[in-house]
Amino acid sequence: MSLCKSIETLAMAYLDDELATEERHELETHLADCPSCRTHLDRERADLSMVRRALVAPPASEMLRARIARGLDEAERSEKRGRWSKYLLPSSAMVAAAAAIALFVGAQTPMTATAPRKSSHVATSVVSSAARLGRRQLPLEVQGANTGAYLHQHFAADIAPPRFEESSTELRGGRLLPNAINGHDAAALQYSINMPGRAPFQLAVLIVRDVRGDELRDGTPVNVNNRTLYIFQTDDGLDMVSYLPRPGIAFLFMAPELTANELVGLASRVNLVSE
């Protein structure tokens, strides 16, 4: 297989520094002579940079810093300091610090519903960006049964994790991806699937917000169970299925182990609270 045909996988391994020295040199030599693969690598690098920025917690506000400082000062004044008190933080101060940190984590500003949109977005760009992020094993911000409440609080009050009819499908958790799908806010969910006769695998469901009507309707339309789904295929042959239950919201389903027809079957039977 030529390097051009496998650039999707090679680019991710290259950026994650997972290639052997010989493989890395071979790819870099190829990139010097192939503008198409260079463009693909640059796009992957930009997406990875966006994801890394999204994983960084916002800085604490001046008000929060002042509240933390006051809490520490009050705890220190009320604590009887012993011989080593000037070197060790009093236990009550440690409690106050932990409470302040918990307050900061819980009070992170949720994403607003007014994410910037760019008129130059096209369907292939949205799908390609979603496919690249869906392939990555991103750390989960929330797990299991807590995922629904987390989405309600930080993503959208009327959106919940899809519920599949298949009992073999289990929600592992998810995370938020601010501005990560070509400028759109998104939530990435991970499901574990155990199908008879197959090894367990993961299904990625990306919920994308503020999409325009033309951004995810350029795929092959399929009408199943009174739903119009759209099938897409990336350059390296990965099948994806999208469903737009209402204007501005899109669900994308992807799993390398499933064919387009199998993805359509799953997406056509899923229960979406946002409908």
C-alpha atoms as a PDB file:
ATOM      1  CA  MET A   1       0.000   0.000   0.000  1.00  0.00           C
ATOM      2  CA  SER A   2       1.371   3.427  -0.962  1.00  0.00           C
ATOM      3  CA  LEU A   3       2.000   6.066   1.653  1.00  0.00           C
ATOM      4  CA  CYS A   4      -0.705   8.257   0.106  1.00  0.00           C
ATOM      5  CA  LYS A   5      -3.352   5.592   0.728  1.00  0.00           C
ATOM      6  CA  SER A   6      -2.347   5.163   4.375  1.00  0.00           C
ATOM      7  CA  ILE A   7      -1.644   8.834   5.178  1.00  0.00           C
ATOM      8  CA  GLU A   8      -4.741   9.028   7.439  1.00  0.00           C
ATOM      9  CA  THR A   9      -3.226   6.515   9.878  1.00  0.00           C
ATOM     10  CA  LEU A  10       0.393   7.545   9.351  1.00  0.00           C
ATOM     11  CA  ALA A  11      -0.316  11.222   9.993  1.00  0.00           C
ATOM     12  CA  MET A  12      -1.860  10.501  13.409  1.00  0.00           C
ATOM     13  CA  ALA A  13       1.007   8.190  14.366  1.00  0.00           C
ATOM     14  CA  TYR A  14       3.545  10.775  13.150  1.00  0.00           C
ATOM     15  CA  LEU A  15       2.005  13.613  15.187  1.00  0.00           C
ATOM     16  CA  ASP A  16       1.726  11.362  18.262  1.00  0.00           C
ATOM     17  CA  ASP A  17       5.425  10.393  17.825  1.00  0.00           C
ATOM     18  CA  GLU A  18       4.543   6.709  17.505  1.00  0.00           C
ATOM     19  CA  LEU A  19       6.507   5.932  14.323  1.00  0.00           C
ATOM     20  CA  ALA A  20       9.808   4.136  14.345  1.00  0.00           C
ATOM     21  CA  THR A  21      12.823   6.190  13.225  1.00  0.00           C
ATOM     22  CA  GLU A  22      12.987   4.518   9.813  1.00  0.00           C
ATOM     23  CA  GLU A  23       9.228   4.931   9.247  1.00  0.00           C
ATOM     24  CA  ARG A  24       9.412   8.572  10.305  1.00  0.00           C
ATOM     25  CA  HIS A  25      12.247   9.333   7.857  1.00  0.00           C
ATOM     26  CA  GLU A  26      10.403   7.540   5.048  1.00  0.00           C
ATOM     27  CA  LEU A  27       7.244   9.559   5.681  1.00  0.00           C
ATOM     28  CA  GLU A  28       9.139  12.862   5.896  1.00  0.00           C
ATOM     29  CA  THR A  29      10.845  12.099   2.571  1.00  0.00           C
ATOM     30  CA  HIS A  30       7.456  11.365   1.031  1.00  0.00           C
ATOM     31  CA  LEU A  31       5.955  14.573   2.453  1.00  0.00           C
ATOM     32  CA  ALA A  32       8.689  16.621   0.800  1.00  0.00           C
ATOM     33  CA  ASP A  33       7.467  15.454  -2.627  1.00  0.00           C
ATOM     34  CA  CYS A  34       3.709  15.103  -2.038  1.00  0.00           C
ATOM     35  CA  PRO A  35       1.686  18.333  -1.584  1.00  0.00           C
ATOM     36  CA  SER A  36      -1.544  16.391  -0.990  1.00  0.00           C
ATOM     37  CA  CYS A  37      -0.133  14.465   1.970  1.00  0.00           C
ATOM     38  CA  ARG A  38       1.505  17.626   3.354  1.00  0.00           C
ATOM     39  CA  THR A  39      -1.875  19.352   3.276  1.00  0.00           C
ATOM     40  CA  HIS A  40      -3.466  16.397   5.062  1.00  0.00           C
ATOM     41  CA  LEU A  41      -0.753  16.406   7.754  1.00  0.00           C
ATOM     42  CA  ASP A  42      -1.138  20.164   8.283  1.00  0.00           C
ATOM     43  CA  ARG A  43      -4.894  19.704   8.716  1.00  0.00           C
ATOM     44  CA  GLU A  44      -4.332  16.916  11.236  1.00  0.00           C
ATOM     45  CA  ARG A  45      -1.815  19.089  13.118  1.00  0.00           C
ATOM     46  CA  ALA A  46      -4.317  21.959  13.289  1.00  0.00           C
ATOM     47  CA  ASP A  47      -7.051  19.625  14.591  1.00  0.00           C
ATOM     48  CA  LEU A  48      -4.722  18.147  17.201  1.00  0.00           C
ATOM     49  CA  SER A  49      -3.713  21.616  18.346  1.00  0.00           C
ATOM     50  CA  MET A  50      -7.392  22.561  18.670  1.00  0.00           C
ATOM     51  CA  VAL A  51      -8.117  19.467  20.754  1.00  0.00           C
ATOM     52  CA  ARG A  52      -5.160  20.137  23.046  1.00  0.00           C
ATOM     53  CA  ARG A  53      -6.355  23.692  23.604  1.00  0.00           C
ATOM     54  CA  ALA A  54      -9.828  22.359  24.395  1.00  0.00           C
ATOM     55  CA  LEU A  55      -8.368  20.041  27.061  1.00  0.00           C
ATOM     56  CA  VAL A  56      -6.748  22.937  28.945  1.00  0.00           C
ATOM     57  CA  ALA A  57      -8.849  24.241  31.816  1.00  0.00           C
ATOM     58  CA  PRO A  58      -9.576  27.995  31.687  1.00  0.00           C
ATOM     59  CA  PRO A  59      -7.552  30.220  34.037  1.00  0.00           C
ATOM     60  CA  ALA A  60      -9.053  31.081  37.395  1.00  0.00           C
ATOM     61  CA  SER A  61     -10.781  34.458  37.578  1.00  0.00           C
ATOM     62  CA  GLU A  62      -9.508  37.227  39.861  1.00  0.00           C
ATOM     63  CA  MET A  63     -12.637  36.839  42.017  1.00  0.00           C
ATOM     64  CA  LEU A  64     -12.024  33.120  42.471  1.00  0.00           C
ATOM     65  CA  ARG A  65      -8.364  33.699  43.347  1.00  0.00           C
ATOM     66  CA  ALA A  66      -9.408  36.263  45.953  1.00  0.00           C
ATOM     67  CA  ARG A  67     -11.927  33.832  47.464  1.00  0.00           C
ATOM     68  CA  ILE A  68      -9.271  31.116  47.666  1.00  0.00           C
ATOM     69  CA  ALA A  69      -6.835  33.521  49.318  1.00  0.00           C
ATOM     70  CA  ARG A  70      -9.451  34.632  51.868  1.00  0.00           C
ATOM     71  CA  GLY A  71     -10.310  31.025  52.666  1.00  0.00           C
ATOM     72  CA  LEU A  72      -6.661  30.166  53.250  1.00  0.00           C
ATOM     73  CA  ASP A  73      -6.090  33.264  55.383  1.00  0.00           C
ATOM     74  CA  GLU A  74      -9.118  32.581  57.581  1.00  0.00           C
ATOM     75  CA  ALA A  75      -8.116  28.947  58.053  1.00  0.00           C
ATOM     76  CA  GLU A  76      -4.557  29.940  58.945  1.00  0.00           C
ATOM     77  CA  ARG A  77      -5.706  32.504  61.509  1.00  0.00           C
ATOM     78  CA  SER A  78      -8.014  30.000  63.222  1.00  0.00           C
ATOM     79  CA  GLU A  79      -5.437  27.228  63.340  1.00  0.00           C
ATOM     80  CA  LYS A  80      -3.072  26.988  66.254  1.00  0.00           C
ATOM     81  CA  ARG A  81       0.284  26.849  64.638  1.00  0.00           C
ATOM     82  CA  GLY A  82       2.915  24.586  66.123  1.00  0.00           C
ATOM     83  CA  ARG A  83       6.636  24.495  65.762  1.00  0.00           C
ATOM     84  CA  TRP A  84       6.538  23.548  62.082  1.00  0.00           C
ATOM     85  CA  SER A  85       3.549  25.635  61.084  1.00  0.00           C
ATOM     86  CA  LYS A  86       5.595  28.054  59.017  1.00  0.00           C
ATOM     87  CA  TYR A  87       6.753  25.178  56.825  1.00  0.00           C
ATOM     88  CA  LEU A  88       3.605  23.029  56.688  1.00  0.00           C
ATOM     89  CA  LEU A  89       0.124  24.069  55.480  1.00  0.00           C
ATOM     90  CA  PRO A  90      -2.388  23.628  58.365  1.00  0.00           C
ATOM     91  CA  SER A  91      -4.923  20.855  57.914  1.00  0.00           C
ATOM     92  CA  SER A  92      -7.858  23.293  57.852  1.00  0.00           C
ATOM     93  CA  ALA A  93      -6.105  25.291  55.169  1.00  0.00           C
ATOM     94  CA  MET A  94      -5.659  22.117  53.148  1.00  0.00           C
ATOM     95  CA  VAL A  95      -9.413  21.502  53.411  1.00  0.00           C
ATOM     96  CA  ALA A  96     -10.151  25.075  52.329  1.00  0.00           C
ATOM     97  CA  ALA A  97      -7.775  24.762  49.389  1.00  0.00           C
ATOM     98  CA  ALA A  98      -9.360  21.493  48.299  1.00  0.00           C
ATOM     99  CA  ALA A  99     -12.828  23.025  48.545  1.00  0.00           C
ATOM    100  CA  ALA A 100     -11.734  26.049  46.531  1.00  0.00           C
ATOM    101  CA  ILE A 101     -10.201  23.857  43.840  1.00  0.00           C
ATOM    102  CA  ALA A 102     -13.395  21.781  43.672  1.00  0.00           C
ATOM    103  CA  LEU A 103     -15.373  25.017  43.327  1.00  0.00           C
ATOM    104  CA  PHE A 104     -13.149  26.100  40.461  1.00  0.00           C
ATOM    105  CA  VAL A 105     -13.491  22.797  38.622  1.00  0.00           C
ATOM    106  CA  GLY A 106     -17.246  22.742  39.054  1.00  0.00           C
ATOM    107  CA  ALA A 107     -17.640  26.383  38.070  1.00  0.00           C
ATOM    108  CA  GLN A 108     -15.893  26.216  34.719  1.00  0.00           C
ATOM    109  CA  THR A 109     -17.837  28.250  32.215  1.00  0.00           C
ATOM    110  CA  PRO A 110     -19.999  25.932  30.078  1.00  0.00           C
ATOM    111  CA  MET A 111     -19.964  26.376  26.332  1.00  0.00           C
ATOM    112  CA  THR A 112     -22.484  28.867  25.082  1.00  0.00           C
ATOM    113  CA  ALA A 113     -24.923  28.181  22.297  1.00  0.00           C
ATOM    114  CA  THR A 114     -23.517  31.008  20.190  1.00  0.00           C
ATOM    115  CA  ALA A 115     -20.366  29.363  18.831  1.00  0.00           C
ATOM    116  CA  PRO A 116     -18.936  31.226  15.829  1.00  0.00           C
ATOM    117  CA  ARG A 117     -19.845  29.843  12.444  1.00  0.00           C
ATOM    118  CA  LYS A 118     -17.828  30.135   9.266  1.00  0.00           C
ATOM    119  CA  SER A 119     -19.631  30.348   5.958  1.00  0.00           C
ATOM    120  CA  SER A 120     -16.792  28.521   4.206  1.00  0.00           C
ATOM    121  CA  HIS A 121     -17.507  25.216   5.976  1.00  0.00           C
ATOM    122  CA  VAL A 122     -18.440  22.383   3.652  1.00  0.00           C
ATOM    123  CA  ALA A 123     -19.767  18.915   4.405  1.00  0.00           C
ATOM    124  CA  THR A 124     -16.521  17.108   3.596  1.00  0.00           C
ATOM    125  CA  SER A 125     -14.600  19.322   6.037  1.00  0.00           C
ATOM    126  CA  VAL A 126     -17.040  18.692   8.877  1.00  0.00           C
ATOM    127  CA  VAL A 127     -17.065  14.942   8.265  1.00  0.00           C
ATOM    128  CA  SER A 128     -13.266  14.715   7.925  1.00  0.00           C
ATOM    129  CA  SER A 129     -12.725  16.690  11.116  1.00  0.00           C
ATOM    130  CA  ALA A 130     -15.251  14.549  12.995  1.00  0.00           C
ATOM    131  CA  ALA A 131     -13.636  11.359  11.681  1.00  0.00           C
ATOM    132  CA  ARG A 132     -10.174  12.404  12.833  1.00  0.00           C
ATOM    133  CA  LEU A 133     -11.404  13.257  16.326  1.00  0.00           C
ATOM    134  CA  GLY A 134     -13.579  10.161  16.540  1.00  0.00           C
ATOM    135  CA  ARG A 135     -10.565   7.940  15.889  1.00  0.00           C
ATOM    136  CA  ARG A 136      -8.561   9.404  18.754  1.00  0.00           C
ATOM    137  CA  GLN A 137      -8.775   7.887  22.229  1.00  0.00           C
ATOM    138  CA  LEU A 138      -9.536  11.166  23.973  1.00  0.00           C
ATOM    139  CA  PRO A 139      -9.715  11.146  27.785  1.00  0.00           C
ATOM    140  CA  LEU A 140     -13.251  11.043  29.174  1.00  0.00           C
ATOM    141  CA  GLU A 141     -14.470  13.963  31.284  1.00  0.00           C
ATOM    142  CA  VAL A 142     -17.453  12.004  32.591  1.00  0.00           C
ATOM    143  CA  GLN A 143     -18.259   8.302  32.759  1.00  0.00           C
ATOM    144  CA  GLY A 144     -21.285   6.044  32.614  1.00  0.00           C
ATOM    145  CA  ALA A 145     -24.613   7.148  34.044  1.00  0.00           C
ATOM    146  CA  ASN A 146     -23.347  10.652  34.855  1.00  0.00           C
ATOM    147  CA  THR A 147     -22.902  11.485  31.167  1.00  0.00           C
ATOM    148  CA  GLY A 148     -26.496  12.641  30.607  1.00  0.00           C
ATOM    149  CA  ALA A 149     -26.486  15.155  33.468  1.00  0.00           C
ATOM    150  CA  TYR A 150     -23.092  16.420  32.332  1.00  0.00           C
ATOM    151  CA  LEU A 151     -24.381  17.096  28.805  1.00  0.00           C
ATOM    152  CA  HIS A 152     -27.465  18.839  30.180  1.00  0.00           C
ATOM    153  CA  GLN A 153     -25.355  21.165  32.304  1.00  0.00           C
ATOM    154  CA  HIS A 154     -22.439  21.921  29.995  1.00  0.00           C
ATOM    155  CA  PHE A 155     -23.601  21.250  26.422  1.00  0.00           C
ATOM    156  CA  ALA A 156     -27.363  21.588  25.835  1.00  0.00           C
ATOM    157  CA  ALA A 157     -30.308  21.154  28.190  1.00  0.00           C
ATOM    158  CA  ASP A 158     -32.402  19.264  25.625  1.00  0.00           C
ATOM    159  CA  ILE A 159     -29.775  16.755  24.490  1.00  0.00           C
ATOM    160  CA  ALA A 160     -29.039  13.424  26.157  1.00  0.00           C
ATOM    161  CA  PRO A 161     -26.805  10.506  25.172  1.00  0.00           C
ATOM    162  CA  PRO A 162     -28.453   8.290  22.526  1.00  0.00           C
ATOM    163  CA  ARG A 163     -30.018   5.120  23.895  1.00  0.00           C
ATOM    164  CA  PHE A 164     -29.660   2.041  21.711  1.00  0.00           C
ATOM    165  CA  GLU A 165     -32.165  -0.792  21.557  1.00  0.00           C
ATOM    166  CA  GLU A 166     -29.304  -3.306  21.566  1.00  0.00           C
ATOM    167  CA  SER A 167     -28.637  -4.504  25.118  1.00  0.00           C
ATOM    168  CA  SER A 168     -25.044  -5.175  24.089  1.00  0.00           C
ATOM    169  CA  THR A 169     -24.388  -1.426  23.745  1.00  0.00           C
ATOM    170  CA  GLU A 170     -23.075   0.306  26.881  1.00  0.00           C
ATOM    171  CA  LEU A 171     -22.269   3.999  27.302  1.00  0.00           C
ATOM    172  CA  ARG A 172     -18.708   4.419  28.620  1.00  0.00           C
ATOM    173  CA  GLY A 173     -18.744   8.207  28.921  1.00  0.00           C
ATOM    174  CA  GLY A 174     -17.881  11.323  26.996  1.00  0.00           C
ATOM    175  CA  ARG A 175     -16.227  14.713  26.846  1.00  0.00           C
ATOM    176  CA  LEU A 176     -16.815  18.159  25.392  1.00  0.00           C
ATOM    177  CA  LEU A 177     -14.933  19.441  22.333  1.00  0.00           C
ATOM    178  CA  PRO A 178     -15.378  23.231  22.202  1.00  0.00           C
ATOM    179  CA  ASN A 179     -15.034  24.582  18.634  1.00  0.00           C
ATOM    180  CA  ALA A 180     -13.356  21.312  17.609  1.00  0.00           C
ATOM    181  CA  ILE A 181     -15.437  20.291  14.568  1.00  0.00           C
ATOM    182  CA  ASN A 182     -14.497  23.049  12.122  1.00  0.00           C
ATOM    183  CA  GLY A 183     -15.478  25.754  14.595  1.00  0.00           C
ATOM    184  CA  HIS A 184     -18.545  23.939  15.954  1.00  0.00           C
ATOM    185  CA  ASP A 185     -18.982  22.935  19.592  1.00  0.00           C
ATOM    186  CA  ALA A 186     -19.290  19.167  19.904  1.00  0.00           C
ATOM    187  CA  ALA A 187     -19.609  16.375  22.435  1.00  0.00           C
ATOM    188  CA  ALA A 188     -17.846  13.044  21.870  1.00  0.00           C
ATOM    189  CA  LEU A 189     -19.447   9.939  23.376  1.00  0.00           C
ATOM    190  CA  GLN A 190     -17.959   6.441  23.582  1.00  0.00           C
ATOM    191  CA  TYR A 191     -19.979   3.231  23.609  1.00  0.00           C
ATOM    192  CA  SER A 192     -18.775  -0.336  24.123  1.00  0.00           C
ATOM    193  CA  ILE A 193     -20.446  -2.848  21.816  1.00  0.00           C
ATOM    194  CA  ASN A 194     -20.467  -6.623  22.187  1.00  0.00           C
ATOM    195  CA  MET A 195     -21.939  -8.325  19.137  1.00  0.00           C
ATOM    196  CA  PRO A 196     -22.266 -12.113  18.869  1.00  0.00           C
ATOM    197  CA  GLY A 197     -19.330 -13.598  17.005  1.00  0.00           C
ATOM    198  CA  ARG A 198     -17.240 -10.421  17.212  1.00  0.00           C
ATOM    199  CA  ALA A 199     -14.614  -9.085  19.542  1.00  0.00           C
ATOM    200  CA  PRO A 200     -15.828  -6.125  21.644  1.00  0.00           C
ATOM    201  CA  PHE A 201     -15.271  -2.751  19.982  1.00  0.00           C
ATOM    202  CA  GLN A 202     -16.098   0.918  20.440  1.00  0.00           C
ATOM    203  CA  LEU A 203     -18.701   3.088  18.739  1.00  0.00           C
ATOM    204  CA  ALA A 204     -18.078   6.835  18.640  1.00  0.00           C
ATOM    205  CA  VAL A 205     -21.037   9.209  18.572  1.00  0.00           C
ATOM    206  CA  LEU A 206     -20.286  12.871  18.006  1.00  0.00           C
ATOM    207  CA  ILE A 207     -22.989  15.448  18.683  1.00  0.00           C
ATOM    208  CA  VAL A 208     -22.292  18.637  16.730  1.00  0.00           C
ATOM    209  CA  ARG A 209     -24.040  21.907  17.495  1.00  0.00           C
ATOM    210  CA  ASP A 210     -24.972  24.905  15.323  1.00  0.00           C
ATOM    211  CA  VAL A 211     -24.532  23.057  12.027  1.00  0.00           C
ATOM    212  CA  ARG A 212     -26.088  24.584   8.935  1.00  0.00           C
ATOM    213  CA  GLY A 213     -28.530  22.657   6.812  1.00  0.00           C
ATOM    214  CA  ASP A 214     -26.034  22.147   3.980  1.00  0.00           C
ATOM    215  CA  GLU A 215     -23.080  20.983   6.063  1.00  0.00           C
ATOM    216  CA  LEU A 216     -24.071  17.368   6.622  1.00  0.00           C
ATOM    217  CA  ARG A 217     -26.600  16.619   3.895  1.00  0.00           C
ATOM    218  CA  ASP A 218     -24.162  15.979   1.051  1.00  0.00           C
ATOM    219  CA  GLY A 219     -23.852  12.281   1.792  1.00  0.00           C
ATOM    220  CA  THR A 220     -25.939   9.453   0.374  1.00  0.00           C
ATOM    221  CA  PRO A 221     -29.473   9.770   1.835  1.00  0.00           C
ATOM    222  CA  VAL A 222     -31.177   6.686   3.267  1.00  0.00           C
ATOM    223  CA  ASN A 223     -34.727   6.656   4.648  1.00  0.00           C
ATOM    224  CA  VAL A 224     -35.222   4.171   7.495  1.00  0.00           C
ATOM    225  CA  ASN A 225     -37.878   4.150  10.262  1.00  0.00           C
ATOM    226  CA  ASN A 226     -39.157   7.585   9.223  1.00  0.00           C
ATOM    227  CA  ARG A 227     -35.663   9.039   9.490  1.00  0.00           C
ATOM    228  CA  THR A 228     -33.440  10.411   6.758  1.00  0.00           C
ATOM    229  CA  LEU A 229     -29.846   9.395   7.429  1.00  0.00           C
ATOM    230  CA  TYR A 230     -26.788  10.343   5.382  1.00  0.00           C
ATOM    231  CA  ILE A 231     -23.890   8.007   4.650  1.00  0.00           C
ATOM    232  CA  PHE A 232     -20.395   9.425   4.192  1.00  0.00           C
ATOM    233  CA  GLN A 233     -17.080   7.775   3.445  1.00  0.00           C
ATOM    234  CA  THR A 234     -13.703   9.319   4.248  1.00  0.00           C
ATOM    235  CA  ASP A 235     -10.724   9.190   1.892  1.00  0.00           C
ATOM    236  CA  ASP A 236      -9.376   6.088   3.614  1.00  0.00           C
ATOM    237  CA  GLY A 237     -12.681   4.210   3.391  1.00  0.00           C
ATOM    238  CA  LEU A 238     -14.149   4.814   6.862  1.00  0.00           C
ATOM    239  CA  ASP A 239     -17.969   4.842   6.808  1.00  0.00           C
ATOM    240  CA  MET A 240     -19.870   7.408   8.871  1.00  0.00           C
ATOM    241  CA  VAL A 241     -23.593   8.038   9.261  1.00  0.00           C
ATOM    242  CA  SER A 242     -25.155  11.366  10.197  1.00  0.00           C
ATOM    243  CA  TYR A 243     -28.628  12.213  11.420  1.00  0.00           C
ATOM    244  CA  LEU A 244     -30.081  15.693  11.928  1.00  0.00           C
ATOM    245  CA  PRO A 245     -33.113  15.363  14.236  1.00  0.00           C
ATOM    246  CA  ARG A 246     -33.759  19.101  14.158  1.00  0.00           C
ATOM    247  CA  PRO A 247     -32.133  22.241  12.751  1.00  0.00           C
ATOM    248  CA  GLY A 248     -28.712  22.988  14.211  1.00  0.00           C
ATOM    249  CA  ILE A 249     -28.040  19.572  15.798  1.00  0.00           C
ATOM    250  CA  ALA A 250     -26.294  16.626  14.132  1.00  0.00           C
ATOM    251  CA  PHE A 251     -25.414  13.157  15.415  1.00  0.00           C
ATOM    252  CA  LEU A 252     -22.538  11.319  13.709  1.00  0.00           C
ATOM    253  CA  PHE A 253     -21.970   7.593  14.221  1.00  0.00           C
ATOM    254  CA  MET A 254     -18.700   5.838  13.411  1.00  0.00           C
ATOM    255  CA  ALA A 255     -16.975   2.525  14.144  1.00  0.00           C
ATOM    256  CA  PRO A 256     -14.306   1.034  11.834  1.00  0.00           C
ATOM    257  CA  GLU A 257     -15.659  -2.446  12.622  1.00  0.00           C
ATOM    258  CA  LEU A 258     -19.123  -1.673  11.186  1.00  0.00           C
ATOM    259  CA  THR A 259     -20.246  -1.379   7.590  1.00  0.00           C
ATOM    260  CA  ALA A 260     -22.380   1.504   6.381  1.00  0.00           C
ATOM    261  CA  ASN A 261     -25.500  -0.695   6.506  1.00  0.00           C
ATOM    262  CA  GLU A 262     -24.769  -1.750  10.089  1.00  0.00           C
ATOM    263  CA  LEU A 263     -24.271   1.872  11.147  1.00  0.00           C
ATOM    264  CA  VAL A 264     -27.538   2.824   9.448  1.00  0.00           C
ATOM    265  CA  GLY A 265     -29.274   0.028  11.347  1.00  0.00           C
ATOM    266  CA  LEU A 266     -27.954   1.295  14.685  1.00  0.00           C
ATOM    267  CA  ALA A 267     -28.710   4.964  13.974  1.00  0.00           C
ATOM    268  CA  SER A 268     -32.217   4.217  12.727  1.00  0.00           C
ATOM    269  CA  ARG A 269     -33.227   2.528  15.998  1.00  0.00           C
ATOM    270  CA  VAL A 270     -31.572   4.838  18.506  1.00  0.00           C
ATOM    271  CA  ASN A 271     -33.669   6.913  20.903  1.00  0.00           C
ATOM    272  CA  LEU A 272     -32.691  10.598  20.678  1.00  0.00           C
ATOM    273  CA  VAL A 273     -34.146  12.877  23.354  1.00  0.00           C
ATOM    274  CA  SER A 274     -33.504  15.931  21.171  1.00  0.00           C
ATOM    275  CA  GLU A 275     -36.081  14.848  18.542  1.00  0.00           C
END
